[in-house]
N, C-alpha and C. Protein backbone atom coordinates (compact mmCIF):
# COMPACT_ATOMS: atom_id res chain seq x y z
N UNK A 1 -4.46 18.37 7.74
CA UNK A 1 -4.54 18.42 6.31
C UNK A 1 -4.39 19.85 5.81
N UNK A 2 -4.94 20.76 6.56
CA UNK A 2 -4.82 22.17 6.15
C UNK A 2 -3.37 22.61 6.16
N UNK A 3 -2.62 22.17 7.17
CA UNK A 3 -1.21 22.52 7.24
C UNK A 3 -0.46 21.97 6.03
N UNK A 4 -0.75 20.73 5.67
CA UNK A 4 -0.12 20.13 4.50
C UNK A 4 -0.47 20.87 3.22
N UNK A 5 -1.73 21.28 3.12
CA UNK A 5 -2.16 22.03 1.93
C UNK A 5 -1.45 23.38 1.85
N UNK A 6 -1.36 24.06 2.98
CA UNK A 6 -0.67 25.36 2.99
C UNK A 6 0.82 25.20 2.67
N UNK A 7 1.44 24.18 3.27
CA UNK A 7 2.85 23.92 2.99
C UNK A 7 3.04 23.60 1.51
N UNK A 8 2.15 22.79 0.94
CA UNK A 8 2.25 22.44 -0.47
C UNK A 8 2.08 23.66 -1.37
N UNK A 9 1.14 24.54 -1.02
CA UNK A 9 0.93 25.74 -1.83
C UNK A 9 2.15 26.66 -1.78
N UNK A 10 2.72 26.83 -0.61
CA UNK A 10 3.93 27.66 -0.47
C UNK A 10 5.08 27.02 -1.23
N UNK A 11 5.17 25.70 -1.13
CA UNK A 11 6.25 24.99 -1.79
C UNK A 11 6.14 25.12 -3.31
N UNK A 12 4.93 25.04 -3.83
CA UNK A 12 4.72 25.18 -5.28
C UNK A 12 5.09 26.59 -5.73
N UNK A 13 4.77 27.57 -4.92
CA UNK A 13 5.03 28.96 -5.31
C UNK A 13 6.52 29.33 -5.22
N UNK A 14 7.24 28.77 -4.24
CA UNK A 14 8.59 29.25 -3.96
C UNK A 14 9.69 28.24 -4.23
N UNK A 15 9.38 27.07 -4.74
CA UNK A 15 10.40 26.07 -5.03
C UNK A 15 10.54 25.91 -6.54
N UNK A 16 11.64 25.36 -6.99
CA UNK A 16 11.77 25.09 -8.43
C UNK A 16 10.64 24.18 -8.92
N UNK A 17 10.27 24.34 -10.15
CA UNK A 17 9.09 23.69 -10.70
C UNK A 17 9.21 22.16 -10.71
N UNK A 18 10.41 21.61 -10.68
CA UNK A 18 10.57 20.16 -10.74
C UNK A 18 10.39 19.49 -9.38
N UNK A 19 10.43 20.22 -8.28
CA UNK A 19 10.33 19.61 -6.96
C UNK A 19 8.94 19.03 -6.64
N UNK A 20 7.86 19.77 -6.84
CA UNK A 20 6.55 19.20 -6.51
C UNK A 20 6.21 17.92 -7.28
N UNK A 21 6.45 17.84 -8.61
CA UNK A 21 6.18 16.56 -9.28
C UNK A 21 7.08 15.43 -8.79
N UNK A 22 8.32 15.77 -8.44
CA UNK A 22 9.23 14.75 -7.93
C UNK A 22 8.73 14.21 -6.59
N UNK A 23 8.28 15.07 -5.73
CA UNK A 23 7.75 14.63 -4.43
C UNK A 23 6.48 13.81 -4.64
N UNK A 24 5.62 14.23 -5.57
CA UNK A 24 4.41 13.45 -5.86
C UNK A 24 4.76 12.07 -6.39
N UNK A 25 5.74 11.97 -7.26
CA UNK A 25 6.16 10.69 -7.80
C UNK A 25 6.70 9.78 -6.70
N UNK A 26 7.49 10.32 -5.80
CA UNK A 26 8.02 9.53 -4.68
C UNK A 26 6.87 9.03 -3.79
N UNK A 27 5.90 9.88 -3.53
CA UNK A 27 4.76 9.48 -2.69
C UNK A 27 3.93 8.39 -3.37
N UNK A 28 3.75 8.49 -4.68
CA UNK A 28 3.01 7.46 -5.41
C UNK A 28 3.76 6.14 -5.36
N UNK A 29 5.07 6.18 -5.53
CA UNK A 29 5.86 4.96 -5.47
C UNK A 29 5.82 4.35 -4.08
N UNK A 30 5.88 5.19 -3.05
CA UNK A 30 5.82 4.68 -1.67
C UNK A 30 4.48 4.02 -1.36
N UNK A 31 3.45 4.39 -2.05
CA UNK A 31 2.16 3.72 -1.86
C UNK A 31 1.97 2.54 -2.77
N UNK A 32 2.54 2.58 -3.98
CA UNK A 32 2.33 1.53 -4.96
C UNK A 32 3.14 0.27 -4.66
N UNK A 33 4.35 0.41 -4.17
CA UNK A 33 5.18 -0.76 -3.92
C UNK A 33 4.57 -1.68 -2.85
N UNK A 34 4.19 -1.17 -1.67
CA UNK A 34 3.56 -2.07 -0.70
C UNK A 34 2.23 -2.63 -1.20
N UNK A 35 1.47 -1.84 -1.96
CA UNK A 35 0.21 -2.34 -2.50
C UNK A 35 0.45 -3.48 -3.48
N UNK A 36 1.48 -3.37 -4.27
CA UNK A 36 1.82 -4.43 -5.22
C UNK A 36 2.26 -5.70 -4.49
N UNK A 37 3.09 -5.53 -3.48
CA UNK A 37 3.60 -6.69 -2.74
C UNK A 37 2.48 -7.36 -1.96
N UNK A 38 1.67 -6.58 -1.25
CA UNK A 38 0.61 -7.16 -0.43
C UNK A 38 -0.59 -7.61 -1.27
N UNK A 39 -0.70 -7.15 -2.51
CA UNK A 39 -1.85 -7.49 -3.33
C UNK A 39 -1.65 -8.72 -4.19
N UNK A 40 -0.55 -9.43 -4.06
CA UNK A 40 -0.33 -10.64 -4.84
C UNK A 40 -1.33 -11.70 -4.42
N UNK A 41 -1.86 -12.46 -5.39
CA UNK A 41 -2.88 -13.47 -5.04
C UNK A 41 -2.35 -14.63 -4.22
N UNK A 42 -1.06 -14.88 -4.22
CA UNK A 42 -0.51 -15.99 -3.46
C UNK A 42 0.14 -15.55 -2.15
N UNK A 43 -0.26 -14.41 -1.63
CA UNK A 43 0.30 -13.93 -0.37
C UNK A 43 -0.11 -14.85 0.78
N UNK A 44 0.77 -15.03 1.73
CA UNK A 44 0.49 -15.92 2.85
C UNK A 44 -0.67 -15.41 3.69
N UNK A 45 -0.81 -14.10 3.82
CA UNK A 45 -1.87 -13.57 4.66
C UNK A 45 -3.24 -13.66 4.00
N UNK A 46 -3.27 -13.85 2.66
CA UNK A 46 -4.56 -13.91 1.98
C UNK A 46 -4.95 -15.31 1.53
N UNK A 47 -4.09 -16.29 1.74
CA UNK A 47 -4.38 -17.66 1.33
C UNK A 47 -5.04 -18.38 2.51
N UNK A 48 -6.29 -18.80 2.36
CA UNK A 48 -6.99 -19.43 3.48
C UNK A 48 -6.32 -20.71 3.97
N UNK A 49 -5.73 -21.48 3.09
CA UNK A 49 -5.11 -22.74 3.50
C UNK A 49 -3.91 -22.53 4.40
N UNK A 50 -3.22 -21.45 4.23
CA UNK A 50 -2.03 -21.20 5.04
C UNK A 50 -2.36 -20.54 6.37
N UNK A 51 -3.59 -20.08 6.53
CA UNK A 51 -3.97 -19.39 7.75
C UNK A 51 -4.30 -20.37 8.87
N UNK A 52 -4.57 -21.65 8.52
CA UNK A 52 -4.90 -22.65 9.54
C UNK A 52 -3.66 -23.04 10.33
N UNK A 53 -3.81 -23.28 11.62
CA UNK A 53 -2.67 -23.76 12.41
C UNK A 53 -2.26 -25.15 11.93
N UNK A 54 -1.00 -25.51 12.07
CA UNK A 54 -0.55 -26.83 11.64
C UNK A 54 -1.31 -27.94 12.38
N UNK A 55 -1.62 -29.01 11.66
CA UNK A 55 -2.31 -30.14 12.27
C UNK A 55 -3.81 -30.07 12.17
N UNK A 56 -4.35 -28.98 11.66
CA UNK A 56 -5.81 -28.85 11.53
C UNK A 56 -6.16 -28.86 10.06
N UNK A 57 -6.60 -29.99 9.58
CA UNK A 57 -6.96 -30.12 8.18
C UNK A 57 -8.37 -29.58 7.96
N UNK A 58 -8.66 -29.28 6.73
CA UNK A 58 -9.98 -28.81 6.37
C UNK A 58 -10.95 -29.97 6.45
N UNK A 59 -12.06 -29.78 7.11
CA UNK A 59 -13.04 -30.85 7.26
C UNK A 59 -14.13 -30.72 6.21
N UNK A 60 -14.49 -31.85 5.65
CA UNK A 60 -15.57 -31.89 4.68
C UNK A 60 -16.91 -32.03 5.40
N UNK A 61 -17.94 -31.39 4.86
CA UNK A 61 -19.27 -31.51 5.47
C UNK A 61 -19.90 -32.83 5.05
N UNK A 62 -20.42 -33.55 6.00
CA UNK A 62 -21.07 -34.83 5.70
C UNK A 62 -22.57 -34.59 5.57
N UNK A 63 -23.14 -35.16 4.53
CA UNK A 63 -24.60 -35.00 4.33
C UNK A 63 -25.31 -36.29 4.56
């Protein structure tokens, strides 16, 4: 992390002013797109009904 911080500080000081915000925007997009896709409520990995193997129905509790 220290190396990244030092590189970022040098980059801010010696690069054109538009580069650091552009890199930050790209990094935010790279994190937001997968979060948006994986965070959908109807995702296969988050739907309990789809996680069961085929042929195994949900059993009701008998009282």
